[in-house]
Amino acid sequence: MTGITATEKAKRAAGLAAEKKALDVTVLEIGRVSLITDYFIIMSGSSQRHVQSLADFILEEFKNADIKLLNQAGYREGRWVLLDYSDLVIHIFQEEERKFYNLERLWGNAPKVDKWD
């Protein structure tokens, strides 16, 4: 899938997360406050296996859509998996790690995307 926008990727990833029962999915429009990326998606899984299955599902669906992964970290431990798609960075946490790192507070000046047009 060539030419897909960051917004379309973020919308797709959020939908995939919901499909696999991710907990507390938050989409932040980071590009409004930083040059790091356009969007962060932050979600929780209920266990190591749930975190890994969320990552597996997103990785597979994005691969099938020809959306290229730049980098991935934390999969083996399954406590905080990071998937970097350049203009979209997906963070999949176990709940304890999410509370500890509190990316929503750290990036609190970034607008939340609550609905998609």
Protein backbone atom coordinates (compact mmCIF):
# COMPACT_ATOMS: atom_id res chain seq x y z
CA MET A 1 0.00 0.00 0.00
CA THR A 2 1.99 2.95 -1.24
CA GLY A 3 1.13 6.52 -0.48
CA ILE A 4 -0.71 5.84 2.76
CA THR A 5 -0.69 8.87 5.04
CA ALA A 6 0.36 8.93 8.68
CA THR A 7 -3.26 9.65 9.62
CA GLU A 8 -4.46 6.59 7.70
CA LYS A 9 -1.79 4.43 9.35
CA ALA A 10 -2.75 5.69 12.80
CA LYS A 11 -6.44 5.08 12.13
CA ARG A 12 -5.70 1.56 10.88
CA ALA A 13 -3.45 0.72 13.84
CA ALA A 14 -6.03 1.99 16.33
CA GLY A 15 -8.68 -0.15 14.65
CA LEU A 16 -6.45 -3.22 14.72
CA ALA A 17 -5.71 -2.62 18.40
CA ALA A 18 -9.43 -2.46 19.17
CA GLU A 19 -10.03 -5.62 17.16
CA LYS A 20 -7.53 -7.52 19.34
CA LYS A 21 -8.97 -6.09 22.58
CA ALA A 22 -6.12 -3.71 23.44
CA LEU A 23 -6.79 -1.79 26.62
CA ASP A 24 -7.00 2.01 26.85
CA VAL A 25 -5.90 2.88 23.31
CA THR A 26 -4.69 6.49 23.11
CA VAL A 27 -3.71 8.29 19.91
CA LEU A 28 -1.56 11.40 20.26
CA GLU A 29 -0.81 13.77 17.42
CA ILE A 30 2.86 14.18 18.33
CA GLY A 31 3.70 15.99 15.09
CA ARG A 32 2.02 19.11 16.45
CA VAL A 33 4.61 19.42 19.26
CA SER A 34 7.68 17.47 18.08
CA LEU A 35 9.61 16.42 15.00
CA ILE A 36 9.98 12.82 16.29
CA THR A 37 6.97 11.45 14.43
CA ASP A 38 3.43 12.40 13.45
CA TYR A 39 1.50 10.05 15.75
CA PHE A 40 2.00 7.97 18.86
CA ILE A 41 -0.42 5.17 19.59
CA ILE A 42 -0.24 3.99 23.18
CA MET A 43 -2.08 0.90 24.32
CA SER A 44 -1.96 -1.76 27.01
CA GLY A 45 -2.13 -5.51 26.96
CA SER A 46 -3.20 -7.57 29.96
CA SER A 47 -0.15 -9.88 29.93
CA GLN A 48 3.13 -10.55 28.14
CA ARG A 49 1.33 -12.81 25.70
CA HIS A 50 -1.39 -10.23 25.03
CA VAL A 51 1.23 -7.52 24.38
CA GLN A 52 3.06 -9.85 21.98
CA SER A 53 -0.14 -10.88 20.21
CA LEU A 54 -1.11 -7.23 19.71
CA ALA A 55 2.33 -6.58 18.22
CA ASP A 56 2.13 -9.71 16.04
CA PHE A 57 -1.29 -8.73 14.69
CA ILE A 58 -0.29 -5.15 13.84
CA LEU A 59 3.04 -6.27 12.35
CA GLU A 60 1.32 -8.86 10.14
CA GLU A 61 -1.51 -6.59 9.00
CA PHE A 62 0.87 -3.71 8.22
CA LYS A 63 3.22 -6.08 6.38
CA ASN A 64 0.29 -7.34 4.30
CA ALA A 65 -0.57 -3.72 3.49
CA ASP A 66 3.07 -3.09 2.50
CA ILE A 67 3.61 -0.61 5.34
CA LYS A 68 7.30 -0.78 6.15
CA LEU A 69 8.55 -1.23 9.72
CA LEU A 70 11.70 0.78 10.46
CA ASN A 71 12.48 -0.60 13.89
CA GLN A 72 11.08 -2.75 16.66
CA ALA A 73 12.12 -3.15 20.29
CA GLY A 74 11.06 -5.01 23.41
CA TYR A 75 9.18 -7.88 21.80
CA ARG A 76 10.94 -10.76 23.56
CA GLU A 77 10.30 -9.36 27.04
CA GLY A 78 6.76 -8.35 26.12
CA ARG A 79 6.54 -5.57 28.71
CA TRP A 80 6.87 -2.59 26.34
CA VAL A 81 6.95 -3.25 22.62
CA LEU A 82 7.77 -0.35 20.33
CA LEU A 83 6.95 -0.48 16.62
CA ASP A 84 8.44 2.37 14.59
CA TYR A 85 6.84 3.12 11.24
CA SER A 86 8.60 6.51 10.92
CA ASP A 87 5.51 8.75 10.90
CA LEU A 88 3.73 6.47 13.38
CA VAL A 89 5.23 4.98 16.54
CA ILE A 90 3.18 2.34 18.35
CA HIS A 91 3.78 1.65 22.05
CA ILE A 92 2.28 -1.54 23.46
CA PHE A 93 2.69 -1.79 27.23
CA GLN A 94 1.78 -4.08 30.04
CA GLU A 95 -0.24 -1.92 32.41
CA GLU A 96 2.44 -1.62 35.11
CA GLU A 97 5.04 -0.31 32.61
CA ARG A 98 2.54 2.06 31.08
CA LYS A 99 1.80 3.60 34.47
CA PHE A 100 5.50 3.87 35.26
CA TYR A 101 6.57 5.54 31.99
CA ASN A 102 3.34 7.56 31.66
CA LEU A 103 3.92 8.71 28.08
CA GLU A 104 0.55 10.47 28.08
CA ARG A 105 1.82 12.81 30.81
CA LEU A 106 5.25 13.18 29.21
CA TRP A 107 3.64 14.16 25.91
CA GLY A 108 0.65 15.89 27.54
CA ASN A 109 0.92 18.92 25.27
CA ALA A 110 0.22 16.75 22.20
CA PRO A 111 -3.43 16.74 21.14
CA LYS A 112 -5.35 13.50 21.63
CA VAL A 113 -7.23 12.15 18.64
CA ASP A 114 -10.61 11.09 19.97
CA LYS A 115 -12.43 10.58 16.71
CA TRP A 116 -11.56 10.28 13.06
CA ASP A 117 -13.11 12.42 10.33
